[in-house]
Amino acid sequence: MLETGQAVFGENRVQEAQKRWGNTFASARNELELRLIGPLQTNKALDACKLFDVIETLDREKLAKAIIKAADKCGHMPGLFVQVNTGEEPQKAGVIPSALDGFIKTLRRDYGIEPEGLMCIPPAFTQYVGQHPGEAPGPHFALLAKLAARNGLKNLSMGMSSDYEIAVEFGATHVRVGSALFGARD
């Protein structure tokens, strides 16, 4: 992918990214934009701030505090997207839609953080192939776009390999298509 000119990469885990971009592909790192698209634990905030240009999974005040502290320590504040749990699924991270406006207001007022955009991973969508169909992603993408507009945010990170075309129709500015490019994760 590097040889094709691809310059933006998303990573799910801080430790995997450190190995990949700190060792294997270290020589290419300065020419790339690295985005953390997986969940971030507060104890990994310093490593994340050192490595990533953008963190797409800000979802709680405790993490905002940890990122600010880490950014002060390492001298680099990555761009930040707020993760929204549009399906209000208990197993997923993200701010629930009804709490988003207040969370963004708190980020701006109390922490001086101006998010670059919003990110969501809608509930699993299984097209009907002998299985029960899952929830369609379109309404979740529409909701994220509405929430972003209401909060004055223009960037939307939504859509993955299986539904990125739908996400683009709803205004995605960033899509995550690693499975299509690299295959499924082990």
C-alpha atoms as a PDB file:
ATOM      1  CA  MET A   1       0.000   0.000   0.000  1.00  0.00           C
ATOM      2  CA  LEU A   2       2.864   2.378   0.701  1.00  0.00           C
ATOM      3  CA  GLU A   3       4.217   1.777  -2.789  1.00  0.00           C
ATOM      4  CA  THR A   4       0.863   2.774  -4.308  1.00  0.00           C
ATOM      5  CA  GLY A   5       1.052   6.167  -2.608  1.00  0.00           C
ATOM      6  CA  GLN A   6      -1.481   5.509   0.136  1.00  0.00           C
ATOM      7  CA  ALA A   7      -0.708   8.081   2.823  1.00  0.00           C
ATOM      8  CA  VAL A   8      -3.517   7.751   5.400  1.00  0.00           C
ATOM      9  CA  PHE A   9      -3.737   4.685   7.608  1.00  0.00           C
ATOM     10  CA  GLY A  10      -6.078   3.786  10.427  1.00  0.00           C
ATOM     11  CA  GLU A  11      -5.046   1.599  13.319  1.00  0.00           C
ATOM     12  CA  ASN A  12      -7.225  -0.190  15.861  1.00  0.00           C
ATOM     13  CA  ARG A  13      -4.645  -0.702  18.600  1.00  0.00           C
ATOM     14  CA  VAL A  14      -1.876   1.503  19.935  1.00  0.00           C
ATOM     15  CA  GLN A  15       0.607  -1.345  20.515  1.00  0.00           C
ATOM     16  CA  GLU A  16       0.156  -2.774  17.010  1.00  0.00           C
ATOM     17  CA  ALA A  17       0.640   0.669  15.526  1.00  0.00           C
ATOM     18  CA  GLN A  18       3.802   1.232  17.567  1.00  0.00           C
ATOM     19  CA  LYS A  19       5.300  -1.973  16.202  1.00  0.00           C
ATOM     20  CA  ARG A  20       4.242  -1.297  12.634  1.00  0.00           C
ATOM     21  CA  TRP A  21       5.137   2.395  12.375  1.00  0.00           C
ATOM     22  CA  GLY A  22       7.918   2.512  14.960  1.00  0.00           C
ATOM     23  CA  ASN A  23       9.765  -0.512  13.593  1.00  0.00           C
ATOM     24  CA  THR A  24       8.663  -2.135  10.343  1.00  0.00           C
ATOM     25  CA  PHE A  25       7.690   1.019   8.444  1.00  0.00           C
ATOM     26  CA  ALA A  26       9.450   3.652  10.544  1.00  0.00           C
ATOM     27  CA  SER A  27      11.173   5.180   7.522  1.00  0.00           C
ATOM     28  CA  ALA A  28       7.801   6.032   5.968  1.00  0.00           C
ATOM     29  CA  ARG A  29       6.154   7.425   9.118  1.00  0.00           C
ATOM     30  CA  ASN A  30       6.852  11.122   8.546  1.00  0.00           C
ATOM     31  CA  GLU A  31       5.137  11.030   5.145  1.00  0.00           C
ATOM     32  CA  LEU A  32       1.897   9.559   6.503  1.00  0.00           C
ATOM     33  CA  GLU A  33      -1.182  10.455   8.483  1.00  0.00           C
ATOM     34  CA  LEU A  34      -1.939   7.903  11.183  1.00  0.00           C
ATOM     35  CA  ARG A  35      -5.414   7.736  12.686  1.00  0.00           C
ATOM     36  CA  LEU A  36      -6.432   5.796  15.777  1.00  0.00           C
ATOM     37  CA  ILE A  37      -9.823   4.308  14.941  1.00  0.00           C
ATOM     38  CA  GLY A  38     -10.008   1.793  17.781  1.00  0.00           C
ATOM     39  CA  PRO A  39     -10.816   2.434  21.434  1.00  0.00           C
ATOM     40  CA  LEU A  40      -8.271   4.247  23.565  1.00  0.00           C
ATOM     41  CA  GLN A  41      -7.620   3.505  27.217  1.00  0.00           C
ATOM     42  CA  THR A  42      -6.522   6.462  29.307  1.00  0.00           C
ATOM     43  CA  ASN A  43      -3.253   4.732  30.253  1.00  0.00           C
ATOM     44  CA  LYS A  44      -2.308   4.646  26.544  1.00  0.00           C
ATOM     45  CA  ALA A  45      -3.015   8.343  25.905  1.00  0.00           C
ATOM     46  CA  LEU A  46       0.660   9.379  25.955  1.00  0.00           C
ATOM     47  CA  ASP A  47       1.664   6.685  23.466  1.00  0.00           C
ATOM     48  CA  ALA A  48      -1.308   7.624  21.276  1.00  0.00           C
ATOM     49  CA  CYS A  49      -0.460  11.339  21.315  1.00  0.00           C
ATOM     50  CA  LYS A  50       3.130  10.593  20.371  1.00  0.00           C
ATOM     51  CA  LEU A  51       2.182   8.372  17.440  1.00  0.00           C
ATOM     52  CA  PHE A  52      -1.146   9.440  15.963  1.00  0.00           C
ATOM     53  CA  ASP A  53      -2.086  12.500  13.972  1.00  0.00           C
ATOM     54  CA  VAL A  54      -5.783  11.962  14.702  1.00  0.00           C
ATOM     55  CA  ILE A  55      -7.651  10.070  17.433  1.00  0.00           C
ATOM     56  CA  GLU A  56     -11.192   9.250  16.319  1.00  0.00           C
ATOM     57  CA  THR A  57     -12.428   7.669  19.539  1.00  0.00           C
ATOM     58  CA  LEU A  58     -12.769  10.425  22.140  1.00  0.00           C
ATOM     59  CA  ASP A  59     -15.861   9.447  24.115  1.00  0.00           C
ATOM     60  CA  ARG A  60     -15.539  10.536  27.746  1.00  0.00           C
ATOM     61  CA  GLU A  61     -14.225  13.363  29.907  1.00  0.00           C
ATOM     62  CA  LYS A  62     -11.671  11.147  31.636  1.00  0.00           C
ATOM     63  CA  LEU A  63     -10.114  10.411  28.244  1.00  0.00           C
ATOM     64  CA  ALA A  64     -10.179  14.096  27.273  1.00  0.00           C
ATOM     65  CA  LYS A  65      -8.227  14.914  30.453  1.00  0.00           C
ATOM     66  CA  ALA A  66      -5.725  12.129  29.744  1.00  0.00           C
ATOM     67  CA  ILE A  67      -5.209  13.301  26.156  1.00  0.00           C
ATOM     68  CA  ILE A  68      -4.635  16.905  27.263  1.00  0.00           C
ATOM     69  CA  LYS A  69      -2.121  15.789  29.882  1.00  0.00           C
ATOM     70  CA  ALA A  70      -0.370  13.538  27.355  1.00  0.00           C
ATOM     71  CA  ALA A  71      -0.321  16.244  24.684  1.00  0.00           C
ATOM     72  CA  ASP A  72       1.237  18.699  27.137  1.00  0.00           C
ATOM     73  CA  LYS A  73       3.883  16.133  28.029  1.00  0.00           C
ATOM     74  CA  CYS A  74       4.848  15.174  24.487  1.00  0.00           C
ATOM     75  CA  GLY A  75       4.189  18.525  22.801  1.00  0.00           C
ATOM     76  CA  HIS A  76       1.684  17.200  20.256  1.00  0.00           C
ATOM     77  CA  MET A  77      -2.105  17.415  20.321  1.00  0.00           C
ATOM     78  CA  PRO A  78      -3.600  15.118  17.708  1.00  0.00           C
ATOM     79  CA  GLY A  79      -6.787  16.024  15.909  1.00  0.00           C
ATOM     80  CA  LEU A  80      -9.804  14.632  17.736  1.00  0.00           C
ATOM     81  CA  PHE A  81     -13.092  13.136  16.610  1.00  0.00           C
ATOM     82  CA  VAL A  82     -15.843  12.313  19.081  1.00  0.00           C
ATOM     83  CA  GLN A  83     -17.139   8.758  18.819  1.00  0.00           C
ATOM     84  CA  VAL A  84     -20.914   8.535  18.909  1.00  0.00           C
ATOM     85  CA  ASN A  85     -22.723   5.322  19.798  1.00  0.00           C
ATOM     86  CA  THR A  86     -25.608   5.922  17.392  1.00  0.00           C
ATOM     87  CA  GLY A  87     -27.210   2.555  18.184  1.00  0.00           C
ATOM     88  CA  GLU A  88     -26.821   3.048  21.945  1.00  0.00           C
ATOM     89  CA  GLU A  89     -25.343  -0.439  22.097  1.00  0.00           C
ATOM     90  CA  PRO A  90     -24.061  -1.319  25.588  1.00  0.00           C
ATOM     91  CA  GLN A  91     -21.077  -3.276  24.233  1.00  0.00           C
ATOM     92  CA  LYS A  92     -19.798  -0.326  22.168  1.00  0.00           C
ATOM     93  CA  ALA A  93     -17.957   2.778  23.208  1.00  0.00           C
ATOM     94  CA  GLY A  94     -19.155   6.225  22.266  1.00  0.00           C
ATOM     95  CA  VAL A  95     -21.275   9.061  23.535  1.00  0.00           C
ATOM     96  CA  ILE A  96     -24.988   8.364  23.177  1.00  0.00           C
ATOM     97  CA  PRO A  97     -26.725  10.830  20.841  1.00  0.00           C
ATOM     98  CA  SER A  98     -28.811  12.495  23.571  1.00  0.00           C
ATOM     99  CA  ALA A  99     -25.635  13.334  25.540  1.00  0.00           C
ATOM    100  CA  LEU A 100     -23.526  14.503  22.595  1.00  0.00           C
ATOM    101  CA  ASP A 101     -24.379  18.214  22.573  1.00  0.00           C
ATOM    102  CA  GLY A 102     -23.539  18.521  26.271  1.00  0.00           C
ATOM    103  CA  PHE A 103     -20.315  16.533  25.848  1.00  0.00           C
ATOM    104  CA  ILE A 104     -19.108  18.737  22.996  1.00  0.00           C
ATOM    105  CA  LYS A 105     -20.039  21.855  24.956  1.00  0.00           C
ATOM    106  CA  THR A 106     -17.992  20.544  27.897  1.00  0.00           C
ATOM    107  CA  LEU A 107     -15.020  19.750  25.651  1.00  0.00           C
ATOM    108  CA  ARG A 108     -15.052  23.269  24.244  1.00  0.00           C
ATOM    109  CA  ARG A 109     -15.774  25.171  27.452  1.00  0.00           C
ATOM    110  CA  ASP A 110     -13.856  23.186  30.072  1.00  0.00           C
ATOM    111  CA  TYR A 111     -10.979  21.674  28.088  1.00  0.00           C
ATOM    112  CA  GLY A 112     -10.460  23.984  25.120  1.00  0.00           C
ATOM    113  CA  ILE A 113     -10.918  21.042  22.771  1.00  0.00           C
ATOM    114  CA  GLU A 114     -12.459  21.743  19.392  1.00  0.00           C
ATOM    115  CA  PRO A 115     -13.321  18.383  17.838  1.00  0.00           C
ATOM    116  CA  GLU A 116     -12.615  18.018  14.126  1.00  0.00           C
ATOM    117  CA  GLY A 117     -15.622  15.801  13.596  1.00  0.00           C
ATOM    118  CA  LEU A 118     -17.703  12.838  14.680  1.00  0.00           C
ATOM    119  CA  MET A 119     -17.206   9.108  14.205  1.00  0.00           C
ATOM    120  CA  CYS A 120     -19.633   6.220  14.476  1.00  0.00           C
ATOM    121  CA  ILE A 121     -19.802   2.481  13.966  1.00  0.00           C
ATOM    122  CA  PRO A 122     -23.464   1.591  13.489  1.00  0.00           C
ATOM    123  CA  PRO A 123     -24.930  -1.710  14.624  1.00  0.00           C
ATOM    124  CA  ALA A 124     -23.882  -4.698  12.536  1.00  0.00           C
ATOM    125  CA  PHE A 125     -25.600  -4.860   9.186  1.00  0.00           C
ATOM    126  CA  THR A 126     -26.129  -8.268   7.628  1.00  0.00           C
ATOM    127  CA  GLN A 127     -27.742  -8.246   4.226  1.00  0.00           C
ATOM    128  CA  TYR A 128     -30.401 -10.873   3.914  1.00  0.00           C
ATOM    129  CA  VAL A 129     -28.719 -14.091   2.810  1.00  0.00           C
ATOM    130  CA  GLY A 130     -30.629 -16.729   4.711  1.00  0.00           C
ATOM    131  CA  GLN A 131     -30.011 -14.858   7.976  1.00  0.00           C
ATOM    132  CA  HIS A 132     -32.087 -12.324   9.780  1.00  0.00           C
ATOM    133  CA  PRO A 133     -31.200  -8.920   8.420  1.00  0.00           C
ATOM    134  CA  GLY A 134     -29.408  -6.559  10.756  1.00  0.00           C
ATOM    135  CA  GLU A 135     -30.080  -2.883  11.212  1.00  0.00           C
ATOM    136  CA  ALA A 136     -29.474  -0.777   8.100  1.00  0.00           C
ATOM    137  CA  PRO A 137     -26.608   1.720   8.514  1.00  0.00           C
ATOM    138  CA  GLY A 138     -28.216   4.600   6.596  1.00  0.00           C
ATOM    139  CA  PRO A 139     -30.309   5.957   9.482  1.00  0.00           C
ATOM    140  CA  HIS A 140     -27.218   5.925  11.733  1.00  0.00           C
ATOM    141  CA  PHE A 141     -25.166   7.817   9.156  1.00  0.00           C
ATOM    142  CA  ALA A 142     -28.011  10.324   8.720  1.00  0.00           C
ATOM    143  CA  LEU A 143     -28.172  10.791  12.489  1.00  0.00           C
ATOM    144  CA  LEU A 144     -24.415  11.387  12.723  1.00  0.00           C
ATOM    145  CA  ALA A 145     -24.591  13.976   9.936  1.00  0.00           C
ATOM    146  CA  LYS A 146     -27.460  15.744  11.730  1.00  0.00           C
ATOM    147  CA  LEU A 147     -25.556  15.747  15.047  1.00  0.00           C
ATOM    148  CA  ALA A 148     -22.428  17.095  13.363  1.00  0.00           C
ATOM    149  CA  ALA A 149     -24.310  19.895  11.635  1.00  0.00           C
ATOM    150  CA  ARG A 150     -26.061  20.843  14.880  1.00  0.00           C
ATOM    151  CA  ASN A 151     -22.662  21.151  16.593  1.00  0.00           C
ATOM    152  CA  GLY A 152     -20.894  22.950  13.740  1.00  0.00           C
ATOM    153  CA  LEU A 153     -18.668  20.005  12.804  1.00  0.00           C
ATOM    154  CA  LYS A 154     -17.936  19.232   9.160  1.00  0.00           C
ATOM    155  CA  ASN A 155     -16.011  15.943   9.280  1.00  0.00           C
ATOM    156  CA  LEU A 156     -17.747  12.590   9.483  1.00  0.00           C
ATOM    157  CA  SER A 157     -15.830   9.353   9.927  1.00  0.00           C
ATOM    158  CA  MET A 158     -18.364   6.683   9.128  1.00  0.00           C
ATOM    159  CA  GLY A 159     -18.580   3.656   6.932  1.00  0.00           C
ATOM    160  CA  MET A 160     -16.420   0.580   6.700  1.00  0.00           C
ATOM    161  CA  SER A 161     -15.625  -1.908   3.972  1.00  0.00           C
ATOM    162  CA  SER A 162     -19.165  -3.305   3.913  1.00  0.00           C
ATOM    163  CA  ASP A 163     -21.086  -0.015   3.972  1.00  0.00           C
ATOM    164  CA  TYR A 164     -18.766   2.821   2.948  1.00  0.00           C
ATOM    165  CA  GLU A 165     -20.761   3.587  -0.219  1.00  0.00           C
ATOM    166  CA  ILE A 166     -23.860   4.256   1.885  1.00  0.00           C
ATOM    167  CA  ALA A 167     -21.786   6.371   4.267  1.00  0.00           C
ATOM    168  CA  VAL A 168     -20.490   8.490   1.389  1.00  0.00           C
ATOM    169  CA  GLU A 169     -24.082   9.101   0.271  1.00  0.00           C
ATOM    170  CA  PHE A 170     -24.765  10.500   3.753  1.00  0.00           C
ATOM    171  CA  GLY A 171     -21.720  12.798   3.729  1.00  0.00           C
ATOM    172  CA  ALA A 172     -18.789  10.747   5.054  1.00  0.00           C
ATOM    173  CA  THR A 173     -15.503  12.602   4.760  1.00  0.00           C
ATOM    174  CA  HIS A 174     -13.506   9.641   6.078  1.00  0.00           C
ATOM    175  CA  VAL A 175     -14.183   5.912   5.613  1.00  0.00           C
ATOM    176  CA  ARG A 176     -12.485   2.879   7.113  1.00  0.00           C
ATOM    177  CA  VAL A 177     -11.861   0.216   4.462  1.00  0.00           C
ATOM    178  CA  GLY A 178      -9.003  -1.816   5.927  1.00  0.00           C
ATOM    179  CA  SER A 179     -10.773  -5.166   5.543  1.00  0.00           C
ATOM    180  CA  ALA A 180     -11.316  -4.532   1.837  1.00  0.00           C
ATOM    181  CA  LEU A 181      -7.664  -3.602   1.370  1.00  0.00           C
ATOM    182  CA  PHE A 182      -5.886  -5.921   3.786  1.00  0.00           C
ATOM    183  CA  GLY A 183      -8.388  -8.696   4.529  1.00  0.00           C
ATOM    184  CA  ALA A 184     -10.191  -9.537   7.732  1.00  0.00           C
ATOM    185  CA  ARG A 185      -8.350  -9.218  11.047  1.00  0.00           C
ATOM    186  CA  ASP A 186      -7.157 -12.406  12.696  1.00  0.00           C
END
